[in-house]
Amino acid sequence: MDQPTVGILQPGSMGAAVAACAATNAVSVLWCEAGRSPATVARAEKFGLTGVATLAELLERSDIVISLCPPAAAEDLARDVAGHAFTGVYVEANAINPERTGRIADLLGTTATVVDGGVIGSPPVGGKSPTLYLSGPTAAVTTVAALFAGTDVQTGQLGTEIGKASALKLAYASFQKTSRVLVALSVGLAHAHGVGQELVRVAARRSDSYLAEPEYIAKAAARAWRWGPEMEEVADTLADAGLPPEMLHAAAATLARWNDAKDDAELTLADALARLAQP
């Protein structure tokens, strides 16, 4: 497929940046303006995305659609797409468990070709280069990988099985994000007893310790509204594998205390710890 038209569902911080990279090898990248916030409009404009009025128009014009939204919305969004009998390549790139990815593939597979995707890393801005892992039908996976050739989004191909990319994403997220929650609890405990700086000095003796980066807690708090549902997806995946999910449920419950700090770039460490201490 030469120079496809791409649709992005929905252009959040990750989705918009990934879509902008896809624009390198696409005719255009579309997004649906209906019902979106002023912040989303501004973000889409910043990344040079082309707005369309309706989902139907986006799907009619797109060869490839990439779904990057909060985990809870993934299946509803897929159902909306299925209602329009989309016939292109649908990249299910949300942080959802493999069983949900399989349901989405079944839902869309009568008309569309579904590729399982999982993004590991930060949005591709400011020199950052995440990897989009892909699994599914070989030709479709190759087409999606080609879309990001020469861009800041790297791709990794995991074979033909739907669910593998989702599993890898959640396996990584279970460590990376739960570790940040544990850091917040450790730093909060130390600050409550007046030994916060001492804890950082102890942790700094180990170059690989998240405890040496307490400033990241505020960033984790601002992202908690997305991370919490992702941890619930990890918990469900652990349970499906016969592994105990309780720690991930607890991490999600901890993150929920920061839900009202959504995308707050001005949040300080002290603010984040104060919110963590309130039920």
C-alpha atoms as a PDB file:
ATOM      1  CA  MET A   1       0.000   0.000   0.000  1.00  0.00           C
ATOM      2  CA  ASP A   2       1.665   3.234  -1.189  1.00  0.00           C
ATOM      3  CA  GLN A   3       0.994   6.457   0.716  1.00  0.00           C
ATOM      4  CA  PRO A   4      -2.155   5.431   2.609  1.00  0.00           C
ATOM      5  CA  THR A   5      -4.587   7.733   4.352  1.00  0.00           C
ATOM      6  CA  VAL A   6      -4.533   7.165   8.109  1.00  0.00           C
ATOM      7  CA  GLY A   7      -7.180   7.850  10.745  1.00  0.00           C
ATOM      8  CA  ILE A   8      -6.308   8.284  14.430  1.00  0.00           C
ATOM      9  CA  LEU A   9      -8.742   7.397  17.227  1.00  0.00           C
ATOM     10  CA  GLN A  10      -8.187   9.461  19.407  1.00  0.00           C
ATOM     11  CA  PRO A  11      -5.481  12.154  19.333  1.00  0.00           C
ATOM     12  CA  GLY A  12      -4.431  12.234  22.974  1.00  0.00           C
ATOM     13  CA  SER A  13      -0.825  12.974  23.953  1.00  0.00           C
ATOM     14  CA  MET A  14       0.387   9.606  22.658  1.00  0.00           C
ATOM     15  CA  GLY A  15      -2.072   9.249  19.786  1.00  0.00           C
ATOM     16  CA  ALA A  16      -1.418  12.684  18.291  1.00  0.00           C
ATOM     17  CA  ALA A  17       2.363  12.291  18.428  1.00  0.00           C
ATOM     18  CA  VAL A  18       2.240   8.791  16.919  1.00  0.00           C
ATOM     19  CA  ALA A  19      -0.129  10.033  14.223  1.00  0.00           C
ATOM     20  CA  ALA A  20       2.244  12.876  13.373  1.00  0.00           C
ATOM     21  CA  CYS A  21       4.998  10.313  12.783  1.00  0.00           C
ATOM     22  CA  ALA A  22       2.675   8.266  10.568  1.00  0.00           C
ATOM     23  CA  ALA A  23       2.115  11.386   8.474  1.00  0.00           C
ATOM     24  CA  THR A  24       5.681  11.009   7.181  1.00  0.00           C
ATOM     25  CA  ASN A  25       4.604   8.071   5.027  1.00  0.00           C
ATOM     26  CA  ALA A  26       0.898   8.849   4.566  1.00  0.00           C
ATOM     27  CA  VAL A  27      -1.121  11.039   2.234  1.00  0.00           C
ATOM     28  CA  SER A  28      -2.776  12.565   5.292  1.00  0.00           C
ATOM     29  CA  VAL A  29      -3.711  11.715   8.881  1.00  0.00           C
ATOM     30  CA  LEU A  30      -7.345  12.316   9.820  1.00  0.00           C
ATOM     31  CA  TRP A  31      -9.045  12.708  13.168  1.00  0.00           C
ATOM     32  CA  CYS A  32     -12.728  13.104  14.070  1.00  0.00           C
ATOM     33  CA  GLU A  33     -13.638  16.459  15.612  1.00  0.00           C
ATOM     34  CA  ALA A  34     -17.112  15.436  16.844  1.00  0.00           C
ATOM     35  CA  GLY A  35     -17.437  15.702  20.617  1.00  0.00           C
ATOM     36  CA  ARG A  36     -13.779  16.448  21.270  1.00  0.00           C
ATOM     37  CA  SER A  37     -12.485  19.026  23.734  1.00  0.00           C
ATOM     38  CA  PRO A  38     -10.733  22.310  22.913  1.00  0.00           C
ATOM     39  CA  ALA A  39      -7.511  20.763  24.251  1.00  0.00           C
ATOM     40  CA  THR A  40      -7.805  17.914  21.742  1.00  0.00           C
ATOM     41  CA  VAL A  41      -8.458  20.373  18.926  1.00  0.00           C
ATOM     42  CA  ALA A  42      -5.363  22.359  19.887  1.00  0.00           C
ATOM     43  CA  ARG A  43      -3.272  19.195  20.108  1.00  0.00           C
ATOM     44  CA  ALA A  44      -4.406  17.964  16.702  1.00  0.00           C
ATOM     45  CA  GLU A  45      -3.616  21.344  15.163  1.00  0.00           C
ATOM     46  CA  LYS A  46      -0.193  21.384  16.812  1.00  0.00           C
ATOM     47  CA  PHE A  47       0.686  18.052  15.200  1.00  0.00           C
ATOM     48  CA  GLY A  48      -0.726  18.970  11.806  1.00  0.00           C
ATOM     49  CA  LEU A  49      -3.585  16.467  11.745  1.00  0.00           C
ATOM     50  CA  THR A  50      -6.554  16.955   9.416  1.00  0.00           C
ATOM     51  CA  GLY A  51      -9.942  17.235  11.097  1.00  0.00           C
ATOM     52  CA  VAL A  52     -13.110  15.661   9.696  1.00  0.00           C
ATOM     53  CA  ALA A  53     -16.646  16.168  10.949  1.00  0.00           C
ATOM     54  CA  THR A  54     -17.753  12.589  11.573  1.00  0.00           C
ATOM     55  CA  LEU A  55     -16.415   9.135  12.319  1.00  0.00           C
ATOM     56  CA  ALA A  56     -18.147   7.888   9.170  1.00  0.00           C
ATOM     57  CA  GLU A  57     -16.122  10.294   7.031  1.00  0.00           C
ATOM     58  CA  LEU A  58     -12.877   9.325   8.749  1.00  0.00           C
ATOM     59  CA  LEU A  59     -13.519   5.617   8.165  1.00  0.00           C
ATOM     60  CA  GLU A  60     -14.614   6.096   4.576  1.00  0.00           C
ATOM     61  CA  ARG A  61     -11.434   7.972   3.705  1.00  0.00           C
ATOM     62  CA  SER A  62      -8.915   5.953   5.778  1.00  0.00           C
ATOM     63  CA  ASP A  63      -6.938   2.908   4.652  1.00  0.00           C
ATOM     64  CA  ILE A  64      -5.463   2.399   8.136  1.00  0.00           C
ATOM     65  CA  VAL A  65      -7.075   3.365  11.445  1.00  0.00           C
ATOM     66  CA  ILE A  66      -5.053   3.476  14.672  1.00  0.00           C
ATOM     67  CA  SER A  67      -6.946   3.278  17.959  1.00  0.00           C
ATOM     68  CA  LEU A  68      -5.086   4.908  20.875  1.00  0.00           C
ATOM     69  CA  CYS A  69      -7.485   5.847  23.665  1.00  0.00           C
ATOM     70  CA  PRO A  70      -7.984   5.232  27.410  1.00  0.00           C
ATOM     71  CA  PRO A  71      -8.319   1.455  27.978  1.00  0.00           C
ATOM     72  CA  ALA A  72     -11.928   1.630  29.169  1.00  0.00           C
ATOM     73  CA  ALA A  73     -13.045   3.155  25.864  1.00  0.00           C
ATOM     74  CA  ALA A  74     -11.328   0.665  23.533  1.00  0.00           C
ATOM     75  CA  GLU A  75     -14.218  -1.737  22.967  1.00  0.00           C
ATOM     76  CA  ASP A  76     -16.875   0.958  22.673  1.00  0.00           C
ATOM     77  CA  LEU A  77     -14.743   2.704  20.084  1.00  0.00           C
ATOM     78  CA  ALA A  78     -14.271  -0.562  18.187  1.00  0.00           C
ATOM     79  CA  ARG A  79     -18.026  -1.151  18.240  1.00  0.00           C
ATOM     80  CA  ASP A  80     -18.582   2.294  16.755  1.00  0.00           C
ATOM     81  CA  VAL A  81     -16.122   1.463  13.987  1.00  0.00           C
ATOM     82  CA  ALA A  82     -17.721  -1.937  13.394  1.00  0.00           C
ATOM     83  CA  GLY A  83     -21.073  -0.206  12.982  1.00  0.00           C
ATOM     84  CA  HIS A  84     -19.691   1.486   9.875  1.00  0.00           C
ATOM     85  CA  ALA A  85     -18.339  -1.775   8.364  1.00  0.00           C
ATOM     86  CA  PHE A  86     -14.791  -0.419   8.072  1.00  0.00           C
ATOM     87  CA  THR A  87     -12.823  -2.437   5.492  1.00  0.00           C
ATOM     88  CA  GLY A  88      -9.240  -1.257   6.044  1.00  0.00           C
ATOM     89  CA  VAL A  89      -6.520  -2.130   8.574  1.00  0.00           C
ATOM     90  CA  TYR A  90      -7.502  -1.466  12.204  1.00  0.00           C
ATOM     91  CA  VAL A  91      -4.573  -1.156  14.620  1.00  0.00           C
ATOM     92  CA  GLU A  92      -5.802  -1.906  18.156  1.00  0.00           C
ATOM     93  CA  ALA A  93      -2.937  -0.163  19.977  1.00  0.00           C
ATOM     94  CA  ASN A  94      -4.508   0.412  23.387  1.00  0.00           C
ATOM     95  CA  ALA A  95      -3.189  -0.831  26.718  1.00  0.00           C
ATOM     96  CA  ILE A  96      -5.760  -3.598  27.064  1.00  0.00           C
ATOM     97  CA  ASN A  97      -5.475  -7.260  27.911  1.00  0.00           C
ATOM     98  CA  PRO A  98      -5.123  -9.895  25.176  1.00  0.00           C
ATOM     99  CA  GLU A  99      -8.599 -11.300  25.767  1.00  0.00           C
ATOM    100  CA  ARG A 100     -10.176  -7.890  25.082  1.00  0.00           C
ATOM    101  CA  THR A 101      -7.970  -7.488  22.009  1.00  0.00           C
ATOM    102  CA  GLY A 102      -9.268 -10.824  20.768  1.00  0.00           C
ATOM    103  CA  ARG A 103     -12.862  -9.689  21.243  1.00  0.00           C
ATOM    104  CA  ILE A 104     -12.155  -6.552  19.233  1.00  0.00           C
ATOM    105  CA  ALA A 105     -10.531  -8.626  16.486  1.00  0.00           C
ATOM    106  CA  ASP A 106     -13.627 -10.851  16.368  1.00  0.00           C
ATOM    107  CA  LEU A 107     -15.889  -7.814  16.295  1.00  0.00           C
ATOM    108  CA  LEU A 108     -14.122  -6.104  13.404  1.00  0.00           C
ATOM    109  CA  GLY A 109     -12.703  -9.084  11.581  1.00  0.00           C
ATOM    110  CA  THR A 110     -15.720  -9.699   9.351  1.00  0.00           C
ATOM    111  CA  THR A 111     -14.863  -6.587   7.322  1.00  0.00           C
ATOM    112  CA  ALA A 112     -11.553  -5.153   8.569  1.00  0.00           C
ATOM    113  CA  THR A 113      -8.074  -6.599   9.094  1.00  0.00           C
ATOM    114  CA  VAL A 114      -7.102  -6.219  12.741  1.00  0.00           C
ATOM    115  CA  VAL A 115      -3.522  -5.746  13.909  1.00  0.00           C
ATOM    116  CA  ASP A 116      -2.681  -5.971  17.617  1.00  0.00           C
ATOM    117  CA  GLY A 117      -0.404  -3.156  18.773  1.00  0.00           C
ATOM    118  CA  GLY A 118       1.295  -2.047  21.956  1.00  0.00           C
ATOM    119  CA  VAL A 119       3.307   1.150  22.432  1.00  0.00           C
ATOM    120  CA  ILE A 120       6.204   0.957  24.896  1.00  0.00           C
ATOM    121  CA  GLY A 121       7.881   4.239  25.737  1.00  0.00           C
ATOM    122  CA  SER A 122       6.995   7.920  25.905  1.00  0.00           C
ATOM    123  CA  PRO A 123       5.271   9.880  23.109  1.00  0.00           C
ATOM    124  CA  PRO A 124       7.634  10.516  20.190  1.00  0.00           C
ATOM    125  CA  VAL A 125       8.417  14.156  20.915  1.00  0.00           C
ATOM    126  CA  GLY A 126      11.562  15.900  22.111  1.00  0.00           C
ATOM    127  CA  GLY A 127      13.852  13.181  20.811  1.00  0.00           C
ATOM    128  CA  LYS A 128      11.984  10.293  22.454  1.00  0.00           C
ATOM    129  CA  SER A 129      11.505   7.161  20.377  1.00  0.00           C
ATOM    130  CA  PRO A 130       8.911   4.627  21.566  1.00  0.00           C
ATOM    131  CA  THR A 131       8.446   1.221  19.989  1.00  0.00           C
ATOM    132  CA  LEU A 132       5.129   0.099  18.528  1.00  0.00           C
ATOM    133  CA  TYR A 133       5.039  -3.686  18.811  1.00  0.00           C
ATOM    134  CA  LEU A 134       2.760  -5.423  16.321  1.00  0.00           C
ATOM    135  CA  SER A 135       1.231  -8.864  15.896  1.00  0.00           C
ATOM    136  CA  GLY A 136      -1.367 -10.182  13.487  1.00  0.00           C
ATOM    137  CA  PRO A 137      -1.709 -10.994   9.780  1.00  0.00           C
ATOM    138  CA  THR A 138       1.734 -10.700   8.206  1.00  0.00           C
ATOM    139  CA  ALA A 139       0.827  -8.438   5.293  1.00  0.00           C
ATOM    140  CA  ALA A 140      -1.087  -6.018   7.498  1.00  0.00           C
ATOM    141  CA  VAL A 141       1.667  -5.924  10.129  1.00  0.00           C
ATOM    142  CA  THR A 142       4.223  -5.195   7.395  1.00  0.00           C
ATOM    143  CA  THR A 143       2.025  -2.386   6.064  1.00  0.00           C
ATOM    144  CA  VAL A 144       1.701  -0.778   9.489  1.00  0.00           C
ATOM    145  CA  ALA A 145       5.440  -1.111  10.151  1.00  0.00           C
ATOM    146  CA  ALA A 146       6.187   0.598   6.825  1.00  0.00           C
ATOM    147  CA  LEU A 147       4.001   3.501   7.897  1.00  0.00           C
ATOM    148  CA  PHE A 148       6.568   4.388  10.580  1.00  0.00           C
ATOM    149  CA  ALA A 149       9.753   3.748   8.591  1.00  0.00           C
ATOM    150  CA  GLY A 150      12.251   6.554   9.130  1.00  0.00           C
ATOM    151  CA  THR A 151      10.290   8.127  11.996  1.00  0.00           C
ATOM    152  CA  ASP A 152      10.757   8.399  15.757  1.00  0.00           C
ATOM    153  CA  VAL A 153       8.350   5.485  16.244  1.00  0.00           C
ATOM    154  CA  GLN A 154      10.257   2.222  16.054  1.00  0.00           C
ATOM    155  CA  THR A 155       8.349  -0.976  15.292  1.00  0.00           C
ATOM    156  CA  GLY A 156       8.765  -4.570  16.403  1.00  0.00           C
ATOM    157  CA  GLN A 157       7.005  -7.518  14.809  1.00  0.00           C
ATOM    158  CA  LEU A 158       5.912 -10.366  17.098  1.00  0.00           C
ATOM    159  CA  GLY A 159       4.336 -12.815  14.675  1.00  0.00           C
ATOM    160  CA  THR A 160       0.804 -13.519  13.563  1.00  0.00           C
ATOM    161  CA  GLU A 161      -0.988 -14.172  16.868  1.00  0.00           C
ATOM    162  CA  ILE A 162      -3.437 -11.485  17.993  1.00  0.00           C
ATOM    163  CA  GLY A 163      -2.793 -10.709  21.667  1.00  0.00           C
ATOM    164  CA  LYS A 164       1.007 -10.969  21.716  1.00  0.00           C
ATOM    165  CA  ALA A 165       1.604  -7.235  21.355  1.00  0.00           C
ATOM    166  CA  SER A 166      -0.996  -6.505  24.039  1.00  0.00           C
ATOM    167  CA  ALA A 167       0.597  -9.040  26.379  1.00  0.00           C
ATOM    168  CA  LEU A 168       4.065  -7.540  25.937  1.00  0.00           C
ATOM    169  CA  LYS A 169       2.764  -4.045  26.590  1.00  0.00           C
ATOM    170  CA  LEU A 170       1.014  -5.075  29.799  1.00  0.00           C
ATOM    171  CA  ALA A 171       3.915  -7.219  30.995  1.00  0.00           C
ATOM    172  CA  TYR A 172       6.205  -4.203  30.734  1.00  0.00           C
ATOM    173  CA  ALA A 173       3.648  -1.772  32.147  1.00  0.00           C
ATOM    174  CA  SER A 174       3.035  -3.979  35.186  1.00  0.00           C
ATOM    175  CA  PHE A 175       6.633  -3.400  36.286  1.00  0.00           C
ATOM    176  CA  GLN A 176       7.280   0.103  35.043  1.00  0.00           C
ATOM    177  CA  LYS A 177       4.131   1.733  36.369  1.00  0.00           C
ATOM    178  CA  THR A 178       3.649  -0.278  39.547  1.00  0.00           C
ATOM    179  CA  SER A 179       7.262   0.536  40.425  1.00  0.00           C
ATOM    180  CA  ARG A 180       6.402   4.226  40.260  1.00  0.00           C
ATOM    181  CA  VAL A 181       3.462   3.669  42.606  1.00  0.00           C
ATOM    182  CA  LEU A 182       5.754   1.930  45.089  1.00  0.00           C
ATOM    183  CA  VAL A 183       8.185   4.846  44.856  1.00  0.00           C
ATOM    184  CA  ALA A 184       5.380   7.253  45.720  1.00  0.00           C
ATOM    185  CA  LEU A 185       4.437   5.209  48.771  1.00  0.00           C
ATOM    186  CA  SER A 186       8.070   4.902  49.898  1.00  0.00           C
ATOM    187  CA  VAL A 187       8.765   8.617  49.468  1.00  0.00           C
ATOM    188  CA  GLY A 188       5.475   9.537  51.145  1.00  0.00           C
ATOM    189  CA  LEU A 189       6.371   7.370  54.140  1.00  0.00           C
ATOM    190  CA  ALA A 190       9.858   8.876  54.377  1.00  0.00           C
ATOM    191  CA  HIS A 191       8.545  12.444  54.107  1.00  0.00           C
ATOM    192  CA  ALA A 192       5.982  11.778  56.822  1.00  0.00           C
ATOM    193  CA  HIS A 193       8.868  10.958  59.160  1.00  0.00           C
ATOM    194  CA  GLY A 194      11.210  13.694  58.002  1.00  0.00           C
ATOM    195  CA  VAL A 195      13.711  11.424  56.271  1.00  0.00           C
ATOM    196  CA  GLY A 196      12.832  12.094  52.630  1.00  0.00           C
ATOM    197  CA  GLN A 197      16.252  13.401  51.604  1.00  0.00           C
ATOM    198  CA  GLU A 198      17.992  10.565  53.437  1.00  0.00           C
ATOM    199  CA  LEU A 199      15.913   8.039  51.489  1.00  0.00           C
ATOM    200  CA  VAL A 200      16.956   9.611  48.187  1.00  0.00           C
ATOM    201  CA  ARG A 201      20.621   9.558  49.228  1.00  0.00           C
ATOM    202  CA  VAL A 202      20.376   5.872  50.148  1.00  0.00           C
ATOM    203  CA  ALA A 203      18.637   5.036  46.885  1.00  0.00           C
ATOM    204  CA  ALA A 204      21.114   7.085  44.826  1.00  0.00           C
ATOM    205  CA  ARG A 205      23.829   4.604  45.736  1.00  0.00           C
ATOM    206  CA  ARG A 206      22.040   2.280  43.314  1.00  0.00           C
ATOM    207  CA  SER A 207      21.994   3.790  39.835  1.00  0.00           C
ATOM    208  CA  ASP A 208      18.976   1.700  38.802  1.00  0.00           C
ATOM    209  CA  SER A 209      16.659   2.697  41.664  1.00  0.00           C
ATOM    210  CA  TYR A 210      13.435   4.607  40.949  1.00  0.00           C
ATOM    211  CA  LEU A 211      13.636   5.761  44.564  1.00  0.00           C
ATOM    212  CA  ALA A 212      16.422   8.098  43.483  1.00  0.00           C
ATOM    213  CA  GLU A 213      13.939   9.931  41.208  1.00  0.00           C
ATOM    214  CA  PRO A 214      11.217  11.242  43.552  1.00  0.00           C
ATOM    215  CA  GLU A 215      10.591  14.191  41.226  1.00  0.00           C
ATOM    216  CA  TYR A 216       8.892  11.735  38.871  1.00  0.00           C
ATOM    217  CA  ILE A 217       6.090  11.169  41.374  1.00  0.00           C
ATOM    218  CA  ALA A 218       4.287  14.338  40.264  1.00  0.00           C
ATOM    219  CA  LYS A 219       4.453  13.173  36.641  1.00  0.00           C
ATOM    220  CA  ALA A 220       3.064   9.784  37.649  1.00  0.00           C
ATOM    221  CA  ALA A 221       0.222  11.515  39.512  1.00  0.00           C
ATOM    222  CA  ALA A 222      -0.691  13.561  36.432  1.00  0.00           C
ATOM    223  CA  ARG A 223      -0.866  10.363  34.377  1.00  0.00           C
ATOM    224  CA  ALA A 224      -2.684   8.275  36.975  1.00  0.00           C
ATOM    225  CA  TRP A 225      -6.063   8.645  35.246  1.00  0.00           C
ATOM    226  CA  ARG A 226      -4.612   6.603  32.356  1.00  0.00           C
ATOM    227  CA  TRP A 227      -2.283   4.366  34.331  1.00  0.00           C
ATOM    228  CA  GLY A 228      -4.926   3.116  36.794  1.00  0.00           C
ATOM    229  CA  PRO A 229      -7.189   1.521  34.174  1.00  0.00           C
ATOM    230  CA  GLU A 230      -4.098   0.060  32.530  1.00  0.00           C
ATOM    231  CA  MET A 231      -3.156  -1.627  35.812  1.00  0.00           C
ATOM    232  CA  GLU A 232      -6.647  -3.141  35.980  1.00  0.00           C
ATOM    233  CA  GLU A 233      -6.043  -4.570  32.508  1.00  0.00           C
ATOM    234  CA  VAL A 234      -2.762  -6.057  33.746  1.00  0.00           C
ATOM    235  CA  ALA A 235      -4.558  -7.523  36.780  1.00  0.00           C
ATOM    236  CA  ASP A 236      -7.112  -9.225  34.527  1.00  0.00           C
ATOM    237  CA  THR A 237      -4.311 -10.604  32.348  1.00  0.00           C
ATOM    238  CA  LEU A 238      -2.470 -11.979  35.396  1.00  0.00           C
ATOM    239  CA  ALA A 239      -5.654 -13.661  36.627  1.00  0.00           C
ATOM    240  CA  ASP A 240      -6.211 -15.211  33.185  1.00  0.00           C
ATOM    241  CA  ALA A 241      -2.700 -16.668  33.412  1.00  0.00           C
ATOM    242  CA  GLY A 242      -3.362 -18.119  36.876  1.00  0.00           C
ATOM    243  CA  LEU A 243      -1.155 -15.508  38.549  1.00  0.00           C
ATOM    244  CA  PRO A 244      -2.196 -13.388  41.557  1.00  0.00           C
ATOM    245  CA  PRO A 245      -3.638 -10.010  40.481  1.00  0.00           C
ATOM    246  CA  GLU A 246      -3.977  -8.391  43.903  1.00  0.00           C
ATOM    247  CA  MET A 247      -0.850  -6.197  43.704  1.00  0.00           C
ATOM    248  CA  LEU A 248      -1.985  -4.674  40.424  1.00  0.00           C
ATOM    249  CA  HIS A 249      -5.504  -4.040  41.770  1.00  0.00           C
ATOM    250  CA  ALA A 250      -3.872  -2.298  44.733  1.00  0.00           C
ATOM    251  CA  ALA A 251      -1.687  -0.202  42.415  1.00  0.00           C
ATOM    252  CA  ALA A 252      -4.804   0.837  40.483  1.00  0.00           C
ATOM    253  CA  ALA A 253      -6.555   1.802  43.720  1.00  0.00           C
ATOM    254  CA  THR A 254      -3.533   3.864  44.757  1.00  0.00           C
ATOM    255  CA  LEU A 255      -3.405   5.619  41.397  1.00  0.00           C
ATOM    256  CA  ALA A 256      -7.106   6.444  41.705  1.00  0.00           C
ATOM    257  CA  ARG A 257      -6.258   8.853  44.529  1.00  0.00           C
ATOM    258  CA  TRP A 258      -4.603  11.029  41.883  1.00  0.00           C
ATOM    259  CA  ASN A 259      -7.464  10.979  39.371  1.00  0.00           C
ATOM    260  CA  ASP A 260      -8.270  14.657  39.942  1.00  0.00           C
ATOM    261  CA  ALA A 261      -4.680  15.591  39.012  1.00  0.00           C
ATOM    262  CA  LYS A 262      -5.316  14.637  35.394  1.00  0.00           C
ATOM    263  CA  ASP A 263      -2.609  16.059  33.099  1.00  0.00           C
ATOM    264  CA  ASP A 264      -1.659  18.713  35.690  1.00  0.00           C
ATOM    265  CA  ALA A 265       1.747  19.859  34.463  1.00  0.00           C
ATOM    266  CA  GLU A 266       2.104  22.245  37.431  1.00  0.00           C
ATOM    267  CA  LEU A 267       1.716  19.564  40.110  1.00  0.00           C
ATOM    268  CA  THR A 268       4.577  19.473  42.613  1.00  0.00           C
ATOM    269  CA  LEU A 269       5.989  16.565  44.572  1.00  0.00           C
ATOM    270  CA  ALA A 270       4.482  17.991  47.766  1.00  0.00           C
ATOM    271  CA  ASP A 271       1.063  18.300  46.109  1.00  0.00           C
ATOM    272  CA  ALA A 272       1.217  14.745  44.774  1.00  0.00           C
ATOM    273  CA  LEU A 273       2.166  13.304  48.165  1.00  0.00           C
ATOM    274  CA  ALA A 274      -0.573  15.321  49.877  1.00  0.00           C
ATOM    275  CA  ARG A 275      -3.204  13.944  47.485  1.00  0.00           C
ATOM    276  CA  LEU A 276      -1.854  10.427  47.973  1.00  0.00           C
ATOM    277  CA  ALA A 277      -2.417  10.758  51.713  1.00  0.00           C
ATOM    278  CA  GLN A 278      -6.105  11.611  51.258  1.00  0.00           C
ATOM    279  CA  PRO A 279      -8.652   8.787  50.678  1.00  0.00           C
END
